Amino acid sequence: MSLDFNSLFRDDTLDSACPECNSSISFKLSDVGSVIVCPNCKVEIKLDSSSGFNESIDSLDNSLSELKDILAKLDK
């Protein structure tokens, strides 16, 4: 079993407001870093990932790796 950010959260959906028309838009965490289109006004929205976002993913992956190692030791 894979235990990392992508296996746990990549398909989670977030809601936000379109910066152009303010209508509600949903996107998946896996969409971060790509361009989505507002379903209402059709404006293209670039979902930039900040360095903080990437650092958080790295930190979470490290913590999950440590947890996986601990669980493996307990299983022995």
C-alpha atoms as a PDB file:
ATOM      1  CA  MET A   1       0.000   0.000   0.000  1.00  0.00           C
ATOM      2  CA  SER A   2       1.316   3.393  -0.971  1.00  0.00           C
ATOM      3  CA  LEU A   3       1.258   5.944   1.816  1.00  0.00           C
ATOM      4  CA  ASP A   4       1.934   9.409   0.419  1.00  0.00           C
ATOM      5  CA  PHE A   5       0.181  12.670  -0.415  1.00  0.00           C
ATOM      6  CA  ASN A   6      -0.910  11.579  -3.878  1.00  0.00           C
ATOM      7  CA  SER A   7      -2.360   8.257  -2.767  1.00  0.00           C
ATOM      8  CA  LEU A   8      -4.303   9.916   0.046  1.00  0.00           C
ATOM      9  CA  PHE A   9      -5.330  13.366  -1.202  1.00  0.00           C
ATOM     10  CA  ARG A  10      -4.831  13.910  -4.942  1.00  0.00           C
ATOM     11  CA  ASP A  11      -8.532  13.288  -5.699  1.00  0.00           C
ATOM     12  CA  ASP A  12      -9.840  15.482  -2.864  1.00  0.00           C
ATOM     13  CA  THR A  13     -11.980  18.338  -4.125  1.00  0.00           C
ATOM     14  CA  LEU A  14     -11.673  21.969  -3.087  1.00  0.00           C
ATOM     15  CA  ASP A  15     -14.166  24.743  -3.751  1.00  0.00           C
ATOM     16  CA  SER A  16     -13.249  28.308  -4.597  1.00  0.00           C
ATOM     17  CA  ALA A  17     -14.664  31.352  -6.332  1.00  0.00           C
ATOM     18  CA  CYS A  18     -13.824  32.268  -9.897  1.00  0.00           C
ATOM     19  CA  PRO A  19     -11.631  35.394  -9.884  1.00  0.00           C
ATOM     20  CA  GLU A  20     -13.532  36.731 -12.902  1.00  0.00           C
ATOM     21  CA  CYS A  21     -17.245  36.075 -12.230  1.00  0.00           C
ATOM     22  CA  ASN A  22     -17.127  34.963  -8.575  1.00  0.00           C
ATOM     23  CA  SER A  23     -19.110  31.818  -9.309  1.00  0.00           C
ATOM     24  CA  SER A  24     -18.298  28.656  -7.382  1.00  0.00           C
ATOM     25  CA  ILE A  25     -15.739  26.335  -8.965  1.00  0.00           C
ATOM     26  CA  SER A  26     -14.446  22.990  -7.776  1.00  0.00           C
ATOM     27  CA  PHE A  27     -11.083  21.442  -8.505  1.00  0.00           C
ATOM     28  CA  LYS A  28      -9.037  18.499  -7.306  1.00  0.00           C
ATOM     29  CA  LEU A  29      -5.723  18.837  -5.520  1.00  0.00           C
ATOM     30  CA  SER A  30      -4.217  16.981  -8.469  1.00  0.00           C
ATOM     31  CA  ASP A  31      -5.221  20.003 -10.622  1.00  0.00           C
ATOM     32  CA  VAL A  32      -2.797  22.286  -8.762  1.00  0.00           C
ATOM     33  CA  GLY A  33      -0.118  23.360 -11.224  1.00  0.00           C
ATOM     34  CA  SER A  34      -2.463  23.181 -14.201  1.00  0.00           C
ATOM     35  CA  VAL A  35      -5.121  25.377 -15.826  1.00  0.00           C
ATOM     36  CA  ILE A  36      -8.828  24.853 -15.199  1.00  0.00           C
ATOM     37  CA  VAL A  37     -11.780  26.557 -16.887  1.00  0.00           C
ATOM     38  CA  CYS A  38     -14.618  28.256 -15.008  1.00  0.00           C
ATOM     39  CA  PRO A  39     -17.833  26.427 -15.920  1.00  0.00           C
ATOM     40  CA  ASN A  40     -19.760  29.711 -15.826  1.00  0.00           C
ATOM     41  CA  CYS A  41     -17.702  32.364 -17.648  1.00  0.00           C
ATOM     42  CA  LYS A  42     -15.155  30.041 -19.317  1.00  0.00           C
ATOM     43  CA  VAL A  43     -12.143  32.044 -18.105  1.00  0.00           C
ATOM     44  CA  GLU A  44      -8.959  30.009 -17.791  1.00  0.00           C
ATOM     45  CA  ILE A  45      -7.601  29.884 -14.245  1.00  0.00           C
ATOM     46  CA  LYS A  46      -4.018  28.849 -13.605  1.00  0.00           C
ATOM     47  CA  LEU A  47      -3.761  26.977 -10.320  1.00  0.00           C
ATOM     48  CA  ASP A  48      -0.224  27.861  -9.338  1.00  0.00           C
ATOM     49  CA  SER A  49       1.390  25.889  -6.571  1.00  0.00           C
ATOM     50  CA  SER A  50       3.268  28.023  -4.115  1.00  0.00           C
ATOM     51  CA  SER A  51       6.532  26.916  -2.576  1.00  0.00           C
ATOM     52  CA  GLY A  52       4.602  26.536   0.696  1.00  0.00           C
ATOM     53  CA  PHE A  53       2.239  24.054  -0.967  1.00  0.00           C
ATOM     54  CA  ASN A  54       5.131  22.001  -2.309  1.00  0.00           C
ATOM     55  CA  GLU A  55       6.977  22.163   1.014  1.00  0.00           C
ATOM     56  CA  SER A  56       3.837  20.973   2.801  1.00  0.00           C
ATOM     57  CA  ILE A  57       3.531  18.003   0.455  1.00  0.00           C
ATOM     58  CA  ASP A  58       7.201  17.116   1.023  1.00  0.00           C
ATOM     59  CA  SER A  59       6.789  17.410   4.787  1.00  0.00           C
ATOM     60  CA  LEU A  60       3.656  15.271   4.753  1.00  0.00           C
ATOM     61  CA  ASP A  61       5.339  12.638   2.579  1.00  0.00           C
ATOM     62  CA  ASN A  62       8.301  12.509   4.987  1.00  0.00           C
ATOM     63  CA  SER A  63       5.988  12.119   7.984  1.00  0.00           C
ATOM     64  CA  LEU A  64       3.991   9.395   6.251  1.00  0.00           C
ATOM     65  CA  SER A  65       7.207   7.571   5.356  1.00  0.00           C
ATOM     66  CA  GLU A  66       8.296   7.678   8.982  1.00  0.00           C
ATOM     67  CA  LEU A  67       4.873   6.396  10.053  1.00  0.00           C
ATOM     68  CA  LYS A  68       5.099   3.569   7.533  1.00  0.00           C
ATOM     69  CA  ASP A  69       8.531   2.590   8.942  1.00  0.00           C
ATOM     70  CA  ILE A  70       7.185   2.636  12.513  1.00  0.00           C
ATOM     71  CA  LEU A  71       4.204   0.510  11.564  1.00  0.00           C
ATOM     72  CA  ALA A  72       6.470  -1.968   9.769  1.00  0.00           C
ATOM     73  CA  LYS A  73       8.603  -2.307  12.919  1.00  0.00           C
ATOM     74  CA  LEU A  74       5.510  -2.879  15.051  1.00  0.00           C
ATOM     75  CA  ASP A  75       4.323  -5.554  12.650  1.00  0.00           C
ATOM     76  CA  LYS A  76       7.490  -7.643  13.195  1.00  0.00           C
END
